[in-house]
Amino acid sequence: MKIAVKVKTNARTGTVTELGPGNYLVSVREPAREGRANMAARRLLAEYFRVPKAGIVIIVGEKSRQKIIEIIGVKNNNHEYGSSTPQHKKRT
C-alpha cells in the first residue's frame, strides 16, 4: 500500500492524521536533522498501521516534507495513494 505523507517537524506531540484517502499528516517532535524526523515518522506510522518499522519504506522524499511511503504488510488497502476506487458521496 502506498500513501502520501506530509511530515511536520518540531511539533508538540507525535501524531498521525488522515487527511483523505491515501493522504496523511505526520507530526513529529524531532527536528529535520540527520534523519531523526524520518525515523520518528516511520515509528509513528508503524504504530498507526500496526506493522513493524521495517514495513515502512520511504520511496520518494527522503529529504523533503512531502513523501510517498510504501507500507508493507497492511491488510486493508482501501485508502491507497493514487487508487482508482470510486469515491462514494454522502446522501443528503
C-alpha atoms as a PDB file:
ATOM      1  CA  MET A   1       0.000   0.000   0.000  1.00  0.00           C
ATOM      2  CA  LYS A   2       1.344   3.441  -0.911  1.00  0.00           C
ATOM      3  CA  ILE A   3       0.373   6.655   0.866  1.00  0.00           C
ATOM      4  CA  ALA A   4       1.239  10.348   0.546  1.00  0.00           C
ATOM      5  CA  VAL A   5       2.607  11.851   3.746  1.00  0.00           C
ATOM      6  CA  LYS A   6       3.437  15.383   4.818  1.00  0.00           C
ATOM      7  CA  VAL A   7       5.797  15.451   7.801  1.00  0.00           C
ATOM      8  CA  LYS A   8       5.604  18.350  10.241  1.00  0.00           C
ATOM      9  CA  THR A   9       8.734  18.585  12.384  1.00  0.00           C
ATOM     10  CA  ASN A  10       9.279  20.140  15.846  1.00  0.00           C
ATOM     11  CA  ALA A  11       5.633  19.543  16.827  1.00  0.00           C
ATOM     12  CA  ARG A  12       4.455  19.439  20.434  1.00  0.00           C
ATOM     13  CA  THR A  13       3.237  15.857  20.131  1.00  0.00           C
ATOM     14  CA  GLY A  14       3.720  12.993  17.706  1.00  0.00           C
ATOM     15  CA  THR A  15       0.503  12.264  15.815  1.00  0.00           C
ATOM     16  CA  VAL A  16      -0.783  10.719  12.594  1.00  0.00           C
ATOM     17  CA  THR A  17      -3.813  12.389  10.991  1.00  0.00           C
ATOM     18  CA  GLU A  18      -5.633  11.059   7.935  1.00  0.00           C
ATOM     19  CA  LEU A  19      -6.423  13.997   5.648  1.00  0.00           C
ATOM     20  CA  GLY A  20      -8.200  11.958   2.997  1.00  0.00           C
ATOM     21  CA  PRO A  21      -7.906   8.672   1.139  1.00  0.00           C
ATOM     22  CA  GLY A  22      -4.198   7.931   0.927  1.00  0.00           C
ATOM     23  CA  ASN A  23      -3.155  11.315   2.415  1.00  0.00           C
ATOM     24  CA  TYR A  24      -1.700  11.680   5.895  1.00  0.00           C
ATOM     25  CA  LEU A  25      -0.134  14.367   8.072  1.00  0.00           C
ATOM     26  CA  VAL A  26       2.508  13.060  10.469  1.00  0.00           C
ATOM     27  CA  SER A  27       3.601  15.449  13.229  1.00  0.00           C
ATOM     28  CA  VAL A  28       6.868  14.547  14.943  1.00  0.00           C
ATOM     29  CA  ARG A  29       8.692  16.128  17.866  1.00  0.00           C
ATOM     30  CA  GLU A  30      12.129  15.601  16.344  1.00  0.00           C
ATOM     31  CA  PRO A  31      13.897  18.165  14.140  1.00  0.00           C
ATOM     32  CA  ALA A  32      14.646  17.511  10.472  1.00  0.00           C
ATOM     33  CA  ARG A  33      18.311  16.780  11.120  1.00  0.00           C
ATOM     34  CA  GLU A  34      20.335  13.626  10.482  1.00  0.00           C
ATOM     35  CA  GLY A  35      17.222  11.628   9.580  1.00  0.00           C
ATOM     36  CA  ARG A  36      15.675  11.907  13.054  1.00  0.00           C
ATOM     37  CA  ALA A  37      12.319  13.196  11.759  1.00  0.00           C
ATOM     38  CA  ASN A  38      12.142  10.372   9.184  1.00  0.00           C
ATOM     39  CA  MET A  39      12.858   7.770  11.858  1.00  0.00           C
ATOM     40  CA  ALA A  40      10.166   9.247  14.104  1.00  0.00           C
ATOM     41  CA  ALA A  41       7.668   9.363  11.221  1.00  0.00           C
ATOM     42  CA  ARG A  42       8.378   5.718  10.379  1.00  0.00           C
ATOM     43  CA  ARG A  43       7.893   4.752  14.043  1.00  0.00           C
ATOM     44  CA  LEU A  44       4.551   6.600  14.287  1.00  0.00           C
ATOM     45  CA  LEU A  45       3.271   5.164  11.012  1.00  0.00           C
ATOM     46  CA  ALA A  46       4.287   1.654  12.093  1.00  0.00           C
ATOM     47  CA  GLU A  47       2.278   2.074  15.300  1.00  0.00           C
ATOM     48  CA  TYR A  48      -0.680   3.589  13.425  1.00  0.00           C
ATOM     49  CA  PHE A  49      -0.879   0.794  10.822  1.00  0.00           C
ATOM     50  CA  ARG A  50       0.243  -1.917  13.287  1.00  0.00           C
ATOM     51  CA  VAL A  51       3.160  -3.132  11.194  1.00  0.00           C
ATOM     52  CA  PRO A  52       6.868  -3.435  12.045  1.00  0.00           C
ATOM     53  CA  LYS A  53       9.094  -0.404  11.403  1.00  0.00           C
ATOM     54  CA  ALA A  54      10.809  -2.390   8.650  1.00  0.00           C
ATOM     55  CA  GLY A  55       7.441  -2.406   6.843  1.00  0.00           C
ATOM     56  CA  ILE A  56       7.507   1.404   6.409  1.00  0.00           C
ATOM     57  CA  VAL A  57       9.607   2.345   3.366  1.00  0.00           C
ATOM     58  CA  ILE A  58      10.137   5.911   2.129  1.00  0.00           C
ATOM     59  CA  ILE A  59      10.008   5.660  -1.672  1.00  0.00           C
ATOM     60  CA  VAL A  60      10.132   9.362  -2.596  1.00  0.00           C
ATOM     61  CA  GLY A  61      11.042  12.394  -0.487  1.00  0.00           C
ATOM     62  CA  GLU A  62      13.781  11.235   1.873  1.00  0.00           C
ATOM     63  CA  LYS A  63      14.873  14.875   2.291  1.00  0.00           C
ATOM     64  CA  SER A  64      11.506  16.546   1.747  1.00  0.00           C
ATOM     65  CA  ARG A  65       8.419  17.188   3.867  1.00  0.00           C
ATOM     66  CA  GLN A  66       6.256  15.583   1.187  1.00  0.00           C
ATOM     67  CA  LYS A  67       6.835  11.838   0.931  1.00  0.00           C
ATOM     68  CA  ILE A  68       5.447   8.783  -0.783  1.00  0.00           C
ATOM     69  CA  ILE A  69       5.638   5.873   1.631  1.00  0.00           C
ATOM     70  CA  GLU A  70       5.023   2.200   0.997  1.00  0.00           C
ATOM     71  CA  ILE A  71       3.543   0.202   3.856  1.00  0.00           C
ATOM     72  CA  ILE A  72       4.281  -3.499   3.632  1.00  0.00           C
ATOM     73  CA  GLY A  73       2.046  -5.915   5.493  1.00  0.00           C
ATOM     74  CA  VAL A  74      -1.161  -3.867   5.724  1.00  0.00           C
ATOM     75  CA  LYS A  75      -4.271  -5.938   5.101  1.00  0.00           C
ATOM     76  CA  ASN A  76      -6.666  -3.074   4.232  1.00  0.00           C
ATOM     77  CA  ASN A  77      -5.526  -1.014   1.260  1.00  0.00           C
ATOM     78  CA  ASN A  78      -8.774   0.878   0.600  1.00  0.00           C
ATOM     79  CA  HIS A  79      -7.032   4.181   1.277  1.00  0.00           C
ATOM     80  CA  GLU A  80      -4.066   3.734  -1.006  1.00  0.00           C
ATOM     81  CA  TYR A  81      -2.469   6.799  -2.586  1.00  0.00           C
ATOM     82  CA  GLY A  82      -3.444   7.088  -6.221  1.00  0.00           C
ATOM     83  CA  SER A  83      -6.019   4.326  -6.085  1.00  0.00           C
ATOM     84  CA  SER A  84      -8.717   4.476  -8.696  1.00  0.00           C
ATOM     85  CA  THR A  85     -11.509   3.206  -6.491  1.00  0.00           C
ATOM     86  CA  PRO A  86     -14.700   5.212  -6.883  1.00  0.00           C
ATOM     87  CA  GLN A  87     -15.496   7.702  -4.146  1.00  0.00           C
ATOM     88  CA  HIS A  88     -18.901   7.384  -2.535  1.00  0.00           C
ATOM     89  CA  LYS A  89     -20.788  10.568  -1.798  1.00  0.00           C
ATOM     90  CA  LYS A  90     -22.918  11.084   1.297  1.00  0.00           C
ATOM     91  CA  ARG A  91     -26.616  11.131   0.677  1.00  0.00           C
ATOM     92  CA  THR A  92     -28.367  14.224   1.939  1.00  0.00           C
END
